[in-house]
Amino acid sequence: MAIHRLPLWTNKKIHFHKLLGCGKDGGFSKKPDWQQWAILAVRDAESIPDTQHALLKMLYGKFIAGWYFFWKCETKTFILEPLSGYGAWDKKKPFGVLPDKSAYEGKLAVLTRATIRLTKLGRFWAHVKGTSDALHKANGLVYSLSIGEMPFIKQATFSIWSSIEDMNAYAYHTRHKEVIQKTREEKWYSEELFVRFKILWESKENQFIKTSKYSAF
């Protein structure tokens, strides 16, 4: 991933990006998945090409698309529109100023990320298994991925839900609610971000479906 930093940094169409490692088991995890990594990018809207290689070239530029093509990497892409959320990432609001709530009720994506205080690492990781177990048992969970910038300290989860009702049921009616309360009371995080997205387009088994425009992915 390190050699991909410069192509992303010099791409003028990309306003914010993160290269992220992945953990195992979908939720927050100490165990890295060496076969998987992620790119988060916020960029200008363009029409989506018909082929996988052309899509990656448009999204990330020639070098990264060529790298994935040469090594025959399997890729999955989500193109998203931010709906609501709060917080910051590196003291920035990568998706702009968002409302706290949205009237949207369809299938949605959720990004949560946090920088954990060094003095709270033990407390955070002691509660990970319980929330991860609840996540995998949650009704309406379609997909989840553990991602992060820095092992143990800067963690994130990307998940897809069938509906806002299913996502809220997990967030407010499982052990996750108790953990969220502890994060507030004990101030586990020095920075956090929570954003809900409408899914405008997603790749399915390397079949790329045409659509018109996108805002962020």
N, C-alpha and C. Protein backbone atom coordinates (compact mmCIF):
# COMPACT_ATOMS: atom_id res chain seq x y z
N MET A 1 0.81 -1.22 0.00
CA MET A 1 0.00 0.00 0.00
C MET A 1 0.84 1.26 0.00
N ALA A 2 2.05 1.18 0.54
CA ALA A 2 2.87 2.38 0.68
C ALA A 2 3.13 3.06 -0.66
N ILE A 3 3.34 2.27 -1.70
CA ILE A 3 3.65 2.86 -3.01
C ILE A 3 2.41 3.47 -3.68
N HIS A 4 1.25 3.25 -3.10
CA HIS A 4 0.03 3.85 -3.65
C HIS A 4 -0.24 5.24 -3.09
N ARG A 5 0.52 5.64 -2.09
CA ARG A 5 0.26 6.94 -1.46
C ARG A 5 0.47 8.10 -2.45
N LEU A 6 1.56 8.07 -3.17
CA LEU A 6 1.87 9.18 -4.08
C LEU A 6 0.83 9.31 -5.19
N PRO A 7 0.43 8.24 -5.89
CA PRO A 7 -0.60 8.40 -6.92
C PRO A 7 -1.91 8.98 -6.39
N LEU A 8 -2.29 8.60 -5.19
CA LEU A 8 -3.52 9.14 -4.62
C LEU A 8 -3.34 10.60 -4.19
N TRP A 9 -2.20 10.90 -3.63
CA TRP A 9 -1.92 12.25 -3.15
C TRP A 9 -1.86 13.25 -4.29
N THR A 10 -1.37 12.83 -5.46
CA THR A 10 -1.23 13.73 -6.61
C THR A 10 -2.47 13.76 -7.50
N ASN A 11 -3.47 12.94 -7.19
CA ASN A 11 -4.70 12.91 -7.98
C ASN A 11 -5.59 14.09 -7.56
N LYS A 12 -5.73 15.08 -8.41
CA LYS A 12 -6.44 16.31 -8.06
C LYS A 12 -7.95 16.12 -7.92
N LYS A 13 -8.47 15.00 -8.42
CA LYS A 13 -9.90 14.75 -8.31
C LYS A 13 -10.27 14.14 -6.95
N ILE A 14 -9.27 13.67 -6.22
CA ILE A 14 -9.50 13.07 -4.92
C ILE A 14 -9.24 14.11 -3.83
N HIS A 15 -10.25 14.39 -3.03
CA HIS A 15 -10.16 15.43 -2.01
C HIS A 15 -9.71 14.89 -0.65
N PHE A 16 -9.95 13.61 -0.42
CA PHE A 16 -9.58 12.98 0.85
C PHE A 16 -9.42 11.50 0.58
N HIS A 17 -8.37 10.90 1.14
CA HIS A 17 -8.20 9.46 0.94
C HIS A 17 -7.50 8.83 2.13
N LYS A 18 -7.72 7.53 2.28
CA LYS A 18 -7.04 6.73 3.29
C LYS A 18 -6.73 5.35 2.73
N LEU A 19 -5.51 4.90 2.93
CA LEU A 19 -5.13 3.52 2.63
C LEU A 19 -5.22 2.74 3.93
N LEU A 20 -5.96 1.65 3.92
CA LEU A 20 -6.33 0.99 5.16
C LEU A 20 -6.04 -0.51 5.11
N GLY A 21 -5.47 -1.00 6.20
CA GLY A 21 -5.32 -2.43 6.36
C GLY A 21 -6.63 -3.03 6.84
N CYS A 22 -6.74 -4.35 6.78
CA CYS A 22 -7.97 -5.02 7.17
C CYS A 22 -7.72 -6.03 8.28
N GLY A 23 -8.67 -6.14 9.17
CA GLY A 23 -8.61 -7.15 10.21
C GLY A 23 -9.49 -8.33 9.84
N LYS A 24 -9.33 -9.41 10.56
CA LYS A 24 -10.14 -10.59 10.30
C LYS A 24 -11.47 -10.50 11.05
N ASP A 25 -12.41 -11.32 10.61
CA ASP A 25 -13.69 -11.52 11.30
C ASP A 25 -14.68 -10.38 11.16
N GLY A 26 -14.45 -9.43 10.27
CA GLY A 26 -15.47 -8.44 9.98
C GLY A 26 -15.50 -7.24 10.89
N GLY A 27 -15.50 -7.41 12.22
CA GLY A 27 -15.53 -6.29 13.15
C GLY A 27 -14.14 -5.87 13.56
N PHE A 28 -14.02 -5.05 14.61
CA PHE A 28 -12.71 -4.66 15.13
C PHE A 28 -11.90 -5.92 15.44
N SER A 29 -10.66 -5.97 15.00
CA SER A 29 -9.85 -7.17 15.20
C SER A 29 -8.38 -6.81 15.33
N LYS A 30 -7.69 -7.50 16.26
CA LYS A 30 -6.24 -7.34 16.39
C LYS A 30 -5.50 -8.14 15.33
N LYS A 31 -6.17 -9.11 14.73
CA LYS A 31 -5.53 -10.01 13.77
C LYS A 31 -5.62 -9.43 12.37
N PRO A 32 -4.48 -9.15 11.72
CA PRO A 32 -4.52 -8.60 10.36
C PRO A 32 -4.86 -9.66 9.33
N ASP A 33 -5.52 -9.23 8.28
CA ASP A 33 -5.80 -10.09 7.13
C ASP A 33 -4.83 -9.66 6.03
N TRP A 34 -3.78 -10.42 5.83
CA TRP A 34 -2.72 -10.03 4.89
C TRP A 34 -3.15 -10.14 3.43
N GLN A 35 -4.33 -10.70 3.18
CA GLN A 35 -4.81 -10.87 1.81
C GLN A 35 -5.78 -9.77 1.39
N GLN A 36 -6.00 -8.80 2.26
CA GLN A 36 -7.04 -7.82 1.99
C GLN A 36 -6.64 -6.43 2.49
N TRP A 37 -6.97 -5.40 1.73
CA TRP A 37 -6.77 -4.02 2.16
C TRP A 37 -7.83 -3.16 1.49
N ALA A 38 -7.89 -1.89 1.89
CA ALA A 38 -8.98 -1.04 1.42
C ALA A 38 -8.47 0.35 1.07
N ILE A 39 -9.15 0.99 0.13
CA ILE A 39 -8.94 2.40 -0.19
C ILE A 39 -10.25 3.13 0.06
N LEU A 40 -10.19 4.18 0.85
CA LEU A 40 -11.32 5.10 1.01
C LEU A 40 -10.95 6.39 0.30
N ALA A 41 -11.80 6.85 -0.59
CA ALA A 41 -11.51 8.09 -1.31
C ALA A 41 -12.79 8.89 -1.48
N VAL A 42 -12.67 10.19 -1.29
CA VAL A 42 -13.76 11.13 -1.54
C VAL A 42 -13.33 11.95 -2.74
N ARG A 43 -14.13 11.95 -3.79
CA ARG A 43 -13.67 12.56 -5.04
C ARG A 43 -14.82 13.12 -5.86
N ASP A 44 -14.45 13.78 -6.95
CA ASP A 44 -15.43 14.35 -7.85
C ASP A 44 -16.24 13.25 -8.53
N ALA A 45 -17.47 13.59 -8.94
CA ALA A 45 -18.35 12.64 -9.61
C ALA A 45 -18.00 12.52 -11.09
N GLU A 46 -18.08 11.28 -11.59
CA GLU A 46 -17.91 11.00 -13.01
C GLU A 46 -18.80 9.83 -13.38
N SER A 47 -19.05 9.66 -14.67
CA SER A 47 -19.79 8.49 -15.13
C SER A 47 -18.96 7.24 -14.90
N ILE A 48 -19.60 6.14 -14.61
CA ILE A 48 -18.89 4.90 -14.28
C ILE A 48 -18.66 4.08 -15.54
N PRO A 49 -17.42 3.67 -15.81
CA PRO A 49 -17.10 2.86 -16.98
C PRO A 49 -17.72 1.47 -16.90
N ASP A 50 -17.67 0.75 -18.04
CA ASP A 50 -18.29 -0.56 -18.12
C ASP A 50 -17.40 -1.68 -17.61
N THR A 51 -16.09 -1.52 -17.64
CA THR A 51 -15.18 -2.61 -17.29
C THR A 51 -14.49 -2.36 -15.95
N GLN A 52 -14.05 -3.45 -15.33
CA GLN A 52 -13.38 -3.35 -14.04
C GLN A 52 -12.10 -2.52 -14.13
N HIS A 53 -11.27 -2.79 -15.12
CA HIS A 53 -10.00 -2.08 -15.23
C HIS A 53 -10.23 -0.59 -15.47
N ALA A 54 -11.19 -0.25 -16.34
CA ALA A 54 -11.49 1.15 -16.61
C ALA A 54 -12.05 1.85 -15.37
N LEU A 55 -12.83 1.12 -14.58
CA LEU A 55 -13.37 1.69 -13.35
C LEU A 55 -12.25 2.04 -12.38
N LEU A 56 -11.34 1.09 -12.14
CA LEU A 56 -10.24 1.34 -11.21
C LEU A 56 -9.34 2.47 -11.71
N LYS A 57 -9.13 2.53 -13.01
CA LYS A 57 -8.32 3.60 -13.60
C LYS A 57 -8.96 4.96 -13.36
N MET A 58 -10.28 5.02 -13.54
CA MET A 58 -10.99 6.28 -13.32
C MET A 58 -10.97 6.67 -11.85
N LEU A 59 -11.14 5.70 -10.96
CA LEU A 59 -11.22 5.99 -9.54
C LEU A 59 -9.87 6.38 -8.95
N TYR A 60 -8.82 5.62 -9.28
CA TYR A 60 -7.54 5.76 -8.59
C TYR A 60 -6.36 6.17 -9.48
N GLY A 61 -6.55 6.14 -10.80
CA GLY A 61 -5.47 6.48 -11.70
C GLY A 61 -4.82 5.26 -12.34
N LYS A 62 -3.96 5.50 -13.33
CA LYS A 62 -3.36 4.42 -14.12
C LYS A 62 -2.50 3.48 -13.29
N PHE A 63 -1.68 4.05 -12.40
CA PHE A 63 -0.71 3.21 -11.68
C PHE A 63 -1.40 2.17 -10.81
N ILE A 64 -2.35 2.59 -9.98
CA ILE A 64 -3.01 1.67 -9.07
C ILE A 64 -3.87 0.66 -9.84
N ALA A 65 -4.57 1.12 -10.87
CA ALA A 65 -5.35 0.20 -11.69
C ALA A 65 -4.45 -0.83 -12.36
N GLY A 66 -3.31 -0.37 -12.86
CA GLY A 66 -2.36 -1.29 -13.49
C GLY A 66 -1.79 -2.29 -12.51
N TRP A 67 -1.55 -1.84 -11.28
CA TRP A 67 -1.02 -2.72 -10.23
C TRP A 67 -2.02 -3.85 -9.94
N TYR A 68 -3.29 -3.48 -9.73
CA TYR A 68 -4.31 -4.49 -9.45
C TYR A 68 -4.49 -5.44 -10.63
N PHE A 69 -4.43 -4.89 -11.85
CA PHE A 69 -4.60 -5.71 -13.04
C PHE A 69 -3.43 -6.68 -13.21
N PHE A 70 -2.21 -6.19 -12.98
CA PHE A 70 -1.02 -7.04 -13.15
C PHE A 70 -1.01 -8.21 -12.17
N TRP A 71 -1.37 -7.93 -10.90
CA TRP A 71 -1.35 -8.95 -9.86
C TRP A 71 -2.67 -9.72 -9.77
N LYS A 72 -3.60 -9.42 -10.70
CA LYS A 72 -4.88 -10.13 -10.75
C LYS A 72 -5.61 -10.07 -9.40
N CYS A 73 -5.65 -8.87 -8.81
CA CYS A 73 -6.31 -8.69 -7.53
C CYS A 73 -7.83 -8.74 -7.70
N GLU A 74 -8.49 -9.39 -6.79
CA GLU A 74 -9.95 -9.36 -6.75
C GLU A 74 -10.37 -8.08 -6.03
N THR A 75 -11.27 -7.32 -6.61
CA THR A 75 -11.69 -6.05 -6.02
C THR A 75 -13.20 -6.00 -5.85
N LYS A 76 -13.61 -5.23 -4.86
CA LYS A 76 -15.03 -4.95 -4.66
C LYS A 76 -15.15 -3.46 -4.39
N THR A 77 -16.05 -2.80 -5.09
CA THR A 77 -16.17 -1.35 -5.02
C THR A 77 -17.58 -0.95 -4.59
N PHE A 78 -17.65 -0.01 -3.66
CA PHE A 78 -18.92 0.61 -3.27
C PHE A 78 -18.83 2.09 -3.59
N ILE A 79 -19.83 2.60 -4.27
CA ILE A 79 -19.92 4.03 -4.56
C ILE A 79 -21.09 4.58 -3.74
N LEU A 80 -20.80 5.57 -2.90
CA LEU A 80 -21.71 5.97 -1.85
C LEU A 80 -22.01 7.46 -1.86
N GLU A 81 -23.14 7.80 -1.32
CA GLU A 81 -23.53 9.20 -1.10
C GLU A 81 -23.76 9.40 0.39
N PRO A 82 -23.03 10.29 1.05
CA PRO A 82 -23.23 10.50 2.49
C PRO A 82 -24.61 11.06 2.79
N LEU A 83 -25.24 10.51 3.83
CA LEU A 83 -26.58 10.93 4.22
C LEU A 83 -26.58 11.73 5.52
N SER A 84 -25.91 11.20 6.53
CA SER A 84 -25.91 11.83 7.84
C SER A 84 -24.70 11.36 8.62
N GLY A 85 -24.38 12.08 9.69
CA GLY A 85 -23.26 11.65 10.50
C GLY A 85 -22.67 12.78 11.33
N TYR A 86 -21.58 12.44 12.01
CA TYR A 86 -20.91 13.43 12.86
C TYR A 86 -19.46 13.02 13.04
N GLY A 87 -18.65 13.94 13.57
CA GLY A 87 -17.27 13.64 13.90
C GLY A 87 -16.28 14.08 12.85
N ALA A 88 -15.02 13.66 13.04
CA ALA A 88 -13.93 14.10 12.17
C ALA A 88 -12.92 12.98 11.97
N TRP A 89 -12.11 13.14 10.94
CA TRP A 89 -11.02 12.22 10.65
C TRP A 89 -9.78 13.09 10.39
N ASP A 90 -8.79 12.96 11.23
CA ASP A 90 -7.61 13.83 11.16
C ASP A 90 -7.99 15.30 11.20
N LYS A 91 -8.96 15.60 12.06
CA LYS A 91 -9.46 16.97 12.27
C LYS A 91 -10.12 17.55 11.02
N LYS A 92 -10.54 16.68 10.10
CA LYS A 92 -11.23 17.12 8.89
C LYS A 92 -12.62 16.49 8.84
N LYS A 93 -13.50 17.12 8.09
CA LYS A 93 -14.81 16.55 7.81
C LYS A 93 -14.79 16.09 6.35
N PRO A 94 -14.34 14.84 6.10
CA PRO A 94 -14.10 14.40 4.72
C PRO A 94 -15.35 14.37 3.85
N PHE A 95 -16.53 14.25 4.46
CA PHE A 95 -17.76 14.16 3.68
C PHE A 95 -18.59 15.43 3.79
N GLY A 96 -17.95 16.50 4.28
CA GLY A 96 -18.64 17.77 4.43
C GLY A 96 -19.45 17.82 5.71
N VAL A 97 -20.19 18.90 5.88
CA VAL A 97 -21.06 19.06 7.05
C VAL A 97 -22.35 18.29 6.79
N LEU A 98 -22.67 17.33 7.66
CA LEU A 98 -23.81 16.44 7.44
C LEU A 98 -24.85 16.64 8.54
N PRO A 99 -26.12 16.39 8.22
CA PRO A 99 -27.15 16.43 9.26
C PRO A 99 -26.99 15.24 10.21
N ASP A 100 -27.57 15.35 11.38
CA ASP A 100 -27.49 14.25 12.35
C ASP A 100 -28.35 13.07 11.93
N LYS A 101 -29.46 13.34 11.23
CA LYS A 101 -30.39 12.28 10.83
C LYS A 101 -30.78 12.45 9.37
N SER A 102 -31.33 11.37 8.80
CA SER A 102 -31.80 11.40 7.42
C SER A 102 -33.11 10.63 7.33
N ALA A 103 -33.96 11.02 6.39
CA ALA A 103 -35.24 10.34 6.20
C ALA A 103 -35.11 9.08 5.35
N TYR A 104 -33.93 8.84 4.82
CA TYR A 104 -33.71 7.67 3.95
C TYR A 104 -33.92 6.37 4.73
N GLU A 105 -34.60 5.38 4.11
CA GLU A 105 -34.94 4.15 4.81
C GLU A 105 -34.47 2.88 4.10
N GLY A 106 -33.79 2.99 2.99
CA GLY A 106 -33.40 1.80 2.23
C GLY A 106 -32.10 1.16 2.71
N LYS A 107 -31.56 0.29 1.89
CA LYS A 107 -30.27 -0.35 2.18
C LYS A 107 -29.20 0.72 2.32
N LEU A 108 -28.35 0.58 3.33
CA LEU A 108 -27.37 1.63 3.58
C LEU A 108 -26.03 1.06 4.03
N ALA A 109 -25.01 1.92 3.92
CA ALA A 109 -23.67 1.60 4.40
C ALA A 109 -23.36 2.48 5.59
N VAL A 110 -22.54 1.96 6.50
CA VAL A 110 -22.16 2.71 7.70
C VAL A 110 -20.65 2.63 7.89
N LEU A 111 -20.04 3.77 8.13
CA LEU A 111 -18.61 3.84 8.44
C LEU A 111 -18.45 4.38 9.85
N THR A 112 -17.77 3.64 10.70
CA THR A 112 -17.41 4.13 12.03
C THR A 112 -15.90 4.04 12.18
N ARG A 113 -15.28 5.08 12.71
CA ARG A 113 -13.84 5.03 12.95
C ARG A 113 -13.51 5.83 14.20
N ALA A 114 -12.38 5.47 14.82
CA ALA A 114 -12.00 6.14 16.06
C ALA A 114 -10.50 6.04 16.27
N THR A 115 -9.95 7.06 16.89
CA THR A 115 -8.59 7.02 17.41
C THR A 115 -8.70 6.78 18.91
N ILE A 116 -8.16 5.66 19.36
CA ILE A 116 -8.30 5.25 20.76
C ILE A 116 -7.18 5.86 21.59
N ARG A 117 -7.53 6.45 22.73
CA ARG A 117 -6.52 7.00 23.63
C ARG A 117 -5.61 5.87 24.14
N LEU A 118 -4.32 6.16 24.22
CA LEU A 118 -3.37 5.14 24.66
C LEU A 118 -3.72 4.62 26.05
N THR A 119 -4.23 5.48 26.89
CA THR A 119 -4.57 5.08 28.26
C THR A 119 -5.85 4.25 28.32
N LYS A 120 -6.59 4.17 27.21
CA LYS A 120 -7.86 3.45 27.19
C LYS A 120 -7.81 2.20 26.30
N LEU A 121 -6.64 1.85 25.79
CA LEU A 121 -6.54 0.69 24.88
C LEU A 121 -7.03 -0.59 25.55
N GLY A 122 -6.64 -0.80 26.80
CA GLY A 122 -7.05 -2.00 27.50
C GLY A 122 -8.56 -2.10 27.63
N ARG A 123 -9.21 -1.00 27.98
CA ARG A 123 -10.66 -0.97 28.13
C ARG A 123 -11.35 -1.23 26.79
N PHE A 124 -10.84 -0.60 25.73
CA PHE A 124 -11.44 -0.77 24.41
C PHE A 124 -11.39 -2.22 23.97
N TRP A 125 -10.19 -2.80 23.99
CA TRP A 125 -10.03 -4.15 23.45
C TRP A 125 -10.68 -5.21 24.33
N ALA A 126 -10.90 -4.91 25.59
CA ALA A 126 -11.59 -5.85 26.46
C ALA A 126 -13.05 -6.02 26.07
N HIS A 127 -13.61 -5.04 25.35
CA HIS A 127 -15.02 -5.09 24.97
C HIS A 127 -15.23 -5.45 23.50
N VAL A 128 -14.17 -5.68 22.75
CA VAL A 128 -14.30 -5.90 21.32
C VAL A 128 -15.05 -7.18 20.99
N LYS A 129 -14.71 -8.27 21.65
CA LYS A 129 -15.31 -9.56 21.30
C LYS A 129 -16.83 -9.53 21.45
N GLY A 130 -17.31 -8.95 22.53
CA GLY A 130 -18.75 -8.91 22.76
C GLY A 130 -19.50 -8.16 21.67
N THR A 131 -18.97 -7.00 21.27
CA THR A 131 -19.64 -6.22 20.23
C THR A 131 -19.52 -6.89 18.86
N SER A 132 -18.36 -7.54 18.59
CA SER A 132 -18.18 -8.23 17.32
C SER A 132 -19.12 -9.42 17.21
N ASP A 133 -19.28 -10.17 18.30
CA ASP A 133 -20.21 -11.30 18.29
C ASP A 133 -21.63 -10.82 18.03
N ALA A 134 -22.01 -9.73 18.67
CA ALA A 134 -23.35 -9.17 18.46
C ALA A 134 -23.54 -8.71 17.02
N LEU A 135 -22.48 -8.13 16.44
CA LEU A 135 -22.55 -7.66 15.06
C LEU A 135 -22.83 -8.80 14.11
N HIS A 136 -22.11 -9.91 14.25
CA HIS A 136 -22.26 -11.02 13.31
C HIS A 136 -23.60 -11.75 13.47
N LYS A 137 -24.25 -11.58 14.63
CA LYS A 137 -25.55 -12.20 14.85
C LYS A 137 -26.70 -11.25 14.51
N ALA A 138 -26.38 -10.02 14.17
CA ALA A 138 -27.42 -9.00 13.97
C ALA A 138 -28.26 -9.28 12.73
N ASN A 139 -29.56 -9.11 12.87
CA ASN A 139 -30.46 -9.23 11.72
C ASN A 139 -30.20 -8.07 10.76
N GLY A 140 -30.22 -8.37 9.49
CA GLY A 140 -30.08 -7.31 8.49
C GLY A 140 -28.66 -6.95 8.11
N LEU A 141 -27.66 -7.55 8.77
CA LEU A 141 -26.28 -7.27 8.38
C LEU A 141 -25.98 -8.00 7.07
N VAL A 142 -25.56 -7.25 6.06
CA VAL A 142 -25.26 -7.82 4.75
C VAL A 142 -23.77 -8.07 4.58
N TYR A 143 -22.95 -7.16 5.11
CA TYR A 143 -21.50 -7.21 4.86
C TYR A 143 -20.81 -6.37 5.91
N SER A 144 -19.64 -6.82 6.37
CA SER A 144 -18.86 -5.98 7.29
C SER A 144 -17.38 -6.21 7.07
N LEU A 145 -16.60 -5.17 7.33
CA LEU A 145 -15.16 -5.24 7.13
C LEU A 145 -14.47 -4.40 8.19
N SER A 146 -13.49 -4.99 8.85
CA SER A 146 -12.67 -4.28 9.82
C SER A 146 -11.51 -3.62 9.09
N ILE A 147 -11.36 -2.31 9.24
CA ILE A 147 -10.30 -1.57 8.57
C ILE A 147 -9.61 -0.64 9.57
N GLY A 148 -8.43 -0.16 9.22
CA GLY A 148 -7.75 0.76 10.12
C GLY A 148 -6.45 1.29 9.56
N GLU A 149 -6.03 2.44 10.09
CA GLU A 149 -4.78 3.07 9.67
C GLU A 149 -3.59 2.58 10.48
N MET A 150 -3.82 2.30 11.76
CA MET A 150 -2.73 1.95 12.66
C MET A 150 -3.20 0.82 13.58
N PRO A 151 -2.46 -0.29 13.63
CA PRO A 151 -2.89 -1.41 14.46
C PRO A 151 -3.14 -1.00 15.90
N PHE A 152 -4.24 -1.51 16.46
CA PHE A 152 -4.63 -1.33 17.86
C PHE A 152 -5.15 0.07 18.19
N ILE A 153 -4.71 1.11 17.48
CA ILE A 153 -5.01 2.48 17.90
C ILE A 153 -6.03 3.19 17.01
N LYS A 154 -5.86 3.14 15.70
CA LYS A 154 -6.78 3.81 14.77
C LYS A 154 -7.57 2.75 14.02
N GLN A 155 -8.80 2.55 14.48
CA GLN A 155 -9.63 1.46 13.99
C GLN A 155 -10.89 1.97 13.33
N ALA A 156 -11.45 1.15 12.42
CA ALA A 156 -12.70 1.52 11.75
C ALA A 156 -13.44 0.26 11.34
N THR A 157 -14.74 0.40 11.14
CA THR A 157 -15.56 -0.68 10.61
C THR A 157 -16.46 -0.13 9.51
N PHE A 158 -16.51 -0.86 8.40
CA PHE A 158 -17.42 -0.53 7.30
C PHE A 158 -18.44 -1.65 7.22
N SER A 159 -19.73 -1.31 7.21
CA SER A 159 -20.76 -2.34 7.19
C SER A 159 -21.92 -1.94 6.28
N ILE A 160 -22.60 -2.95 5.77
CA ILE A 160 -23.77 -2.76 4.91
C ILE A 160 -24.97 -3.38 5.62
N TRP A 161 -26.09 -2.63 5.66
CA TRP A 161 -27.30 -3.07 6.35
C TRP A 161 -28.49 -3.05 5.41
N SER A 162 -29.42 -3.97 5.62
CA SER A 162 -30.62 -4.04 4.79
C SER A 162 -31.50 -2.81 4.97
N SER A 163 -31.49 -2.25 6.19
CA SER A 163 -32.33 -1.08 6.46
C SER A 163 -31.80 -0.33 7.67
N ILE A 164 -32.25 0.90 7.83
CA ILE A 164 -31.87 1.70 9.00
C ILE A 164 -32.44 1.09 10.27
N GLU A 165 -33.60 0.42 10.17
CA GLU A 165 -34.19 -0.22 11.35
C GLU A 165 -33.29 -1.34 11.87
N ASP A 166 -32.73 -2.15 10.96
CA ASP A 166 -31.84 -3.23 11.37
C ASP A 166 -30.57 -2.68 11.99
N MET A 167 -30.03 -1.62 11.39
CA MET A 167 -28.82 -1.02 11.94
C MET A 167 -29.07 -0.43 13.33
N ASN A 168 -30.20 0.24 13.50
CA ASN A 168 -30.53 0.82 14.80
C ASN A 168 -30.79 -0.25 15.85
N ALA A 169 -31.38 -1.37 15.44
CA ALA A 169 -31.63 -2.46 16.37
C ALA A 169 -30.31 -2.99 16.94
N TYR A 170 -29.30 -3.10 16.08
CA TYR A 170 -27.99 -3.53 16.56
C TYR A 170 -27.35 -2.46 17.45
N ALA A 171 -27.45 -1.21 17.02
CA ALA A 171 -26.77 -0.12 17.73
C ALA A 171 -27.36 0.15 19.11
N TYR A 172 -28.69 0.00 19.23
CA TYR A 172 -29.35 0.46 20.45
C TYR A 172 -30.04 -0.63 21.27
N HIS A 173 -30.00 -1.88 20.76
CA HIS A 173 -30.69 -2.95 21.49
C HIS A 173 -29.83 -4.19 21.66
N THR A 174 -28.53 -4.03 21.63
CA THR A 174 -27.59 -5.12 21.88
C THR A 174 -26.51 -4.60 22.82
N ARG A 175 -25.50 -5.43 23.06
CA ARG A 175 -24.39 -5.02 23.93
C ARG A 175 -23.66 -3.80 23.38
N HIS A 176 -23.83 -3.54 22.10
CA HIS A 176 -23.19 -2.39 21.48
C HIS A 176 -23.59 -1.09 22.18
N LYS A 177 -24.86 -0.99 22.60
CA LYS A 177 -25.34 0.22 23.28
C LYS A 177 -24.57 0.45 24.57
N GLU A 178 -24.35 -0.62 25.33
CA GLU A 178 -23.60 -0.51 26.59
C GLU A 178 -22.18 -0.03 26.35
N VAL A 179 -21.55 -0.55 25.30
CA VAL A 179 -20.18 -0.15 25.00
C VAL A 179 -20.12 1.30 24.57
N ILE A 180 -21.08 1.73 23.77
CA ILE A 180 -21.12 3.14 23.35
C ILE A 180 -21.24 4.05 24.57
N GLN A 181 -22.04 3.68 25.53
CA GLN A 181 -22.17 4.47 26.75
C GLN A 181 -20.84 4.57 27.50
N LYS A 182 -20.12 3.45 27.55
CA LYS A 182 -18.82 3.44 28.22
C LYS A 182 -17.81 4.34 27.50
N THR A 183 -17.86 4.35 26.15
CA THR A 183 -16.92 5.21 25.40
C THR A 183 -17.14 6.68 25.75
N ARG A 184 -18.40 7.06 25.96
CA ARG A 184 -18.70 8.45 26.30
C ARG A 184 -18.29 8.75 27.75
N GLU A 185 -18.69 7.88 28.66
CA GLU A 185 -18.44 8.13 30.08
C GLU A 185 -16.95 8.11 30.41
N GLU A 186 -16.20 7.18 29.79
CA GLU A 186 -14.79 7.01 30.11
C GLU A 186 -13.85 7.68 29.11
N LYS A 187 -14.44 8.30 28.06
CA LYS A 187 -13.67 9.04 27.06
C LYS A 187 -12.55 8.19 26.46
N TRP A 188 -12.97 7.09 25.82
CA TRP A 188 -12.01 6.17 25.19
C TRP A 188 -11.34 6.79 23.98
N TYR A 189 -12.05 7.65 23.24
CA TYR A 189 -11.57 8.12 21.94
C TYR A 189 -11.09 9.57 22.01
N SER A 190 -10.00 9.83 21.31
CA SER A 190 -9.56 11.22 21.14
C SER A 190 -10.20 11.84 19.90
N GLU A 191 -10.70 10.99 18.98
CA GLU A 191 -11.38 11.46 17.78
C GLU A 191 -12.23 10.31 17.25
N GLU A 192 -13.41 10.65 16.71
CA GLU A 192 -14.25 9.60 16.14
C GLU A 192 -15.09 10.17 15.00
N LEU A 193 -15.58 9.25 14.17
CA LEU A 193 -16.39 9.61 13.01
C LEU A 193 -17.45 8.54 12.81
N PHE A 194 -18.67 8.96 12.53
CA PHE A 194 -19.77 8.04 12.23
C PHE A 194 -20.55 8.62 11.07
N VAL A 195 -20.68 7.85 9.98
CA VAL A 195 -21.38 8.35 8.79
C VAL A 195 -22.25 7.24 8.20
N ARG A 196 -23.48 7.60 7.82
CA ARG A 196 -24.37 6.71 7.09
C ARG A 196 -24.36 7.13 5.62
N PHE A 197 -24.44 6.14 4.71
CA PHE A 197 -24.39 6.41 3.27
C PHE A 197 -25.53 5.68 2.55
N LYS A 198 -26.01 6.31 1.50
CA LYS A 198 -26.85 5.63 0.52
C LYS A 198 -25.93 4.94 -0.47
N ILE A 199 -26.23 3.70 -0.81
CA ILE A 199 -25.40 2.95 -1.76
C ILE A 199 -25.91 3.24 -3.17
N LEU A 200 -25.11 3.97 -3.93
CA LEU A 200 -25.49 4.31 -5.30
C LEU A 200 -25.16 3.19 -6.28
N TRP A 201 -24.11 2.44 -5.97
CA TRP A 201 -23.64 1.40 -6.89
C TRP A 201 -22.67 0.49 -6.15
N GLU A 202 -22.67 -0.79 -6.48
CA GLU A 202 -21.67 -1.70 -5.93
C GLU A 202 -21.37 -2.80 -6.94
N SER A 203 -20.13 -3.25 -6.95
CA SER A 203 -19.75 -4.33 -7.84
C SER A 203 -20.20 -5.65 -7.24
N LYS A 204 -20.65 -6.55 -8.09
CA LYS A 204 -21.12 -7.85 -7.64
C LYS A 204 -20.45 -8.94 -8.47
N GLU A 205 -19.56 -9.68 -7.82
CA GLU A 205 -18.86 -10.80 -8.46
C GLU A 205 -18.22 -10.36 -9.78
N ASN A 206 -17.54 -9.20 -9.73
CA ASN A 206 -16.83 -8.65 -10.88
C ASN A 206 -17.74 -8.29 -12.04
N GLN A 207 -19.04 -8.20 -11.79
CA GLN A 207 -19.96 -7.72 -12.82
C GLN A 207 -20.29 -6.26 -12.50
N PHE A 208 -20.02 -5.39 -13.45
CA PHE A 208 -20.13 -3.96 -13.19
C PHE A 208 -21.38 -3.41 -13.88
N ILE A 209 -22.23 -2.82 -13.08
CA ILE A 209 -23.52 -2.34 -13.55
C ILE A 209 -23.43 -0.85 -13.85
N LYS A 210 -24.00 -0.43 -14.94
CA LYS A 210 -23.94 0.99 -15.32
C LYS A 210 -24.81 1.83 -14.40
N THR A 211 -24.33 3.02 -14.11
CA THR A 211 -25.11 4.05 -13.43
C THR A 211 -24.59 5.40 -13.87
N SER A 212 -25.12 6.48 -13.35
CA SER A 212 -24.79 7.78 -13.89
C SER A 212 -23.73 8.52 -13.11
N LYS A 213 -24.01 8.90 -11.87
CA LYS A 213 -23.12 9.77 -11.12
C LYS A 213 -22.91 9.26 -9.70
N TYR A 214 -21.89 9.75 -9.05
CA TYR A 214 -21.65 9.40 -7.65
C TYR A 214 -20.98 10.56 -6.94
N SER A 215 -21.07 10.56 -5.62
CA SER A 215 -20.50 11.64 -4.82
C SER A 215 -19.27 11.19 -4.06
N ALA A 216 -19.35 10.05 -3.40
CA ALA A 216 -18.24 9.59 -2.58
C ALA A 216 -18.29 8.08 -2.50
N PHE A 217 -17.13 7.48 -2.24
CA PHE A 217 -17.14 6.02 -2.15
C PHE A 217 -16.07 5.61 -1.16
